[in-house]
Amino acid sequence: MHDDFYIKLGKNIKKRRKELHLTQQQLADRLNISLNFMGKIEVAFSKPSLDTLIDIAQKLEISVSDLTKFD
């Protein structure tokens, strides 16, 4: 169940990143995290902390609530 949450979260992050025409590297740079970690978040291999999730949402100009809404 928790893994499913992170898989969906990663997909939403990737979708929003692409909507803003950002590469993983560009987003990682804005977040001051490695490209490797950014990629792992998007495929649910790594789980972001709450602080990192808030930072991701801010950089993607979306609320954490909207980022964690799943269809």
C-alpha atoms as a PDB file:
ATOM      1  CA  MET A   1       0.000   0.000   0.000  1.00  0.00           C
ATOM      2  CA  HIS A   2       2.741   2.477   0.911  1.00  0.00           C
ATOM      3  CA  ASP A   3       4.730   1.491  -2.178  1.00  0.00           C
ATOM      4  CA  ASP A   4       1.662   2.195  -4.318  1.00  0.00           C
ATOM      5  CA  PHE A   5       1.503   5.706  -2.818  1.00  0.00           C
ATOM      6  CA  TYR A   6       5.122   6.423  -3.756  1.00  0.00           C
ATOM      7  CA  ILE A   7       4.690   4.995  -7.257  1.00  0.00           C
ATOM      8  CA  LYS A   8       1.721   7.311  -7.861  1.00  0.00           C
ATOM      9  CA  LEU A   9       3.529  10.228  -6.246  1.00  0.00           C
ATOM     10  CA  GLY A  10       6.527   9.712  -8.518  1.00  0.00           C
ATOM     11  CA  LYS A  11       4.288   9.630 -11.580  1.00  0.00           C
ATOM     12  CA  ASN A  12       2.608  12.872 -10.516  1.00  0.00           C
ATOM     13  CA  ILE A  13       5.971  14.546  -9.933  1.00  0.00           C
ATOM     14  CA  LYS A  14       7.165  13.441 -13.368  1.00  0.00           C
ATOM     15  CA  LYS A  15       3.926  14.556 -15.041  1.00  0.00           C
ATOM     16  CA  ARG A  16       4.060  18.011 -13.436  1.00  0.00           C
ATOM     17  CA  ARG A  17       7.784  18.350 -14.193  1.00  0.00           C
ATOM     18  CA  LYS A  18       7.101  17.640 -17.866  1.00  0.00           C
ATOM     19  CA  GLU A  19       4.178  20.096 -17.896  1.00  0.00           C
ATOM     20  CA  LEU A  20       6.685  22.762 -16.833  1.00  0.00           C
ATOM     21  CA  HIS A  21       9.149  21.563 -19.512  1.00  0.00           C
ATOM     22  CA  LEU A  22      11.801  20.753 -16.923  1.00  0.00           C
ATOM     23  CA  THR A  23      14.346  17.968 -17.167  1.00  0.00           C
ATOM     24  CA  GLN A  24      15.121  15.818 -14.149  1.00  0.00           C
ATOM     25  CA  GLN A  25      18.476  17.586 -13.978  1.00  0.00           C
ATOM     26  CA  GLN A  26      16.896  21.039 -13.950  1.00  0.00           C
ATOM     27  CA  LEU A  27      14.523  20.079 -11.147  1.00  0.00           C
ATOM     28  CA  ALA A  28      17.284  18.364  -9.195  1.00  0.00           C
ATOM     29  CA  ASP A  29      19.422  21.504  -9.506  1.00  0.00           C
ATOM     30  CA  ARG A  30      16.581  23.679  -8.219  1.00  0.00           C
ATOM     31  CA  LEU A  31      16.151  21.315  -5.269  1.00  0.00           C
ATOM     32  CA  ASN A  32      19.882  20.996  -4.594  1.00  0.00           C
ATOM     33  CA  ILE A  33      19.649  17.212  -4.810  1.00  0.00           C
ATOM     34  CA  SER A  34      21.415  14.780  -7.114  1.00  0.00           C
ATOM     35  CA  LEU A  35      20.005  13.744 -10.474  1.00  0.00           C
ATOM     36  CA  ASN A  36      20.254  10.155  -9.232  1.00  0.00           C
ATOM     37  CA  PHE A  37      18.042  10.876  -6.196  1.00  0.00           C
ATOM     38  CA  MET A  38      15.528  12.804  -8.329  1.00  0.00           C
ATOM     39  CA  GLY A  39      15.253   9.868 -10.708  1.00  0.00           C
ATOM     40  CA  LYS A  40      14.806   7.435  -7.841  1.00  0.00           C
ATOM     41  CA  ILE A  41      11.974   9.538  -6.402  1.00  0.00           C
ATOM     42  CA  GLU A  42      10.145   9.490  -9.732  1.00  0.00           C
ATOM     43  CA  VAL A  43      10.317   5.685  -9.950  1.00  0.00           C
ATOM     44  CA  ALA A  44       9.589   5.161  -6.233  1.00  0.00           C
ATOM     45  CA  PHE A  45      12.984   3.598  -5.557  1.00  0.00           C
ATOM     46  CA  SER A  46      13.616   6.322  -2.977  1.00  0.00           C
ATOM     47  CA  LYS A  47      11.064   8.017  -0.759  1.00  0.00           C
ATOM     48  CA  PRO A  48      11.372  11.764  -0.226  1.00  0.00           C
ATOM     49  CA  SER A  49      11.173  13.201   3.274  1.00  0.00           C
ATOM     50  CA  LEU A  50       8.271  15.524   4.033  1.00  0.00           C
ATOM     51  CA  ASP A  51      10.603  18.523   3.755  1.00  0.00           C
ATOM     52  CA  THR A  52      11.820  17.345   0.358  1.00  0.00           C
ATOM     53  CA  LEU A  53       8.250  16.715  -0.802  1.00  0.00           C
ATOM     54  CA  ILE A  54       7.260  20.251   0.223  1.00  0.00           C
ATOM     55  CA  ASP A  55      10.291  21.628  -1.624  1.00  0.00           C
ATOM     56  CA  ILE A  56       9.447  19.591  -4.737  1.00  0.00           C
ATOM     57  CA  ALA A  57       5.873  20.894  -4.685  1.00  0.00           C
ATOM     58  CA  GLN A  58       7.085  24.483  -4.337  1.00  0.00           C
ATOM     59  CA  LYS A  59       9.532  24.137  -7.224  1.00  0.00           C
ATOM     60  CA  LEU A  60       6.797  22.557  -9.346  1.00  0.00           C
ATOM     61  CA  GLU A  61       4.387  25.381  -8.451  1.00  0.00           C
ATOM     62  CA  ILE A  62       1.770  22.973  -7.108  1.00  0.00           C
ATOM     63  CA  SER A  63       0.434  22.180  -3.648  1.00  0.00           C
ATOM     64  CA  VAL A  64       1.486  19.034  -1.819  1.00  0.00           C
ATOM     65  CA  SER A  65      -2.226  18.210  -1.662  1.00  0.00           C
ATOM     66  CA  ASP A  66      -2.564  18.339  -5.447  1.00  0.00           C
ATOM     67  CA  LEU A  67       0.684  16.437  -5.927  1.00  0.00           C
ATOM     68  CA  THR A  68      -0.678  13.616  -3.766  1.00  0.00           C
ATOM     69  CA  LYS A  69      -4.106  13.401  -5.420  1.00  0.00           C
ATOM     70  CA  PHE A  70      -4.417  10.171  -7.327  1.00  0.00           C
ATOM     71  CA  ASP A  71      -7.111   9.190  -9.845  1.00  0.00           C
END
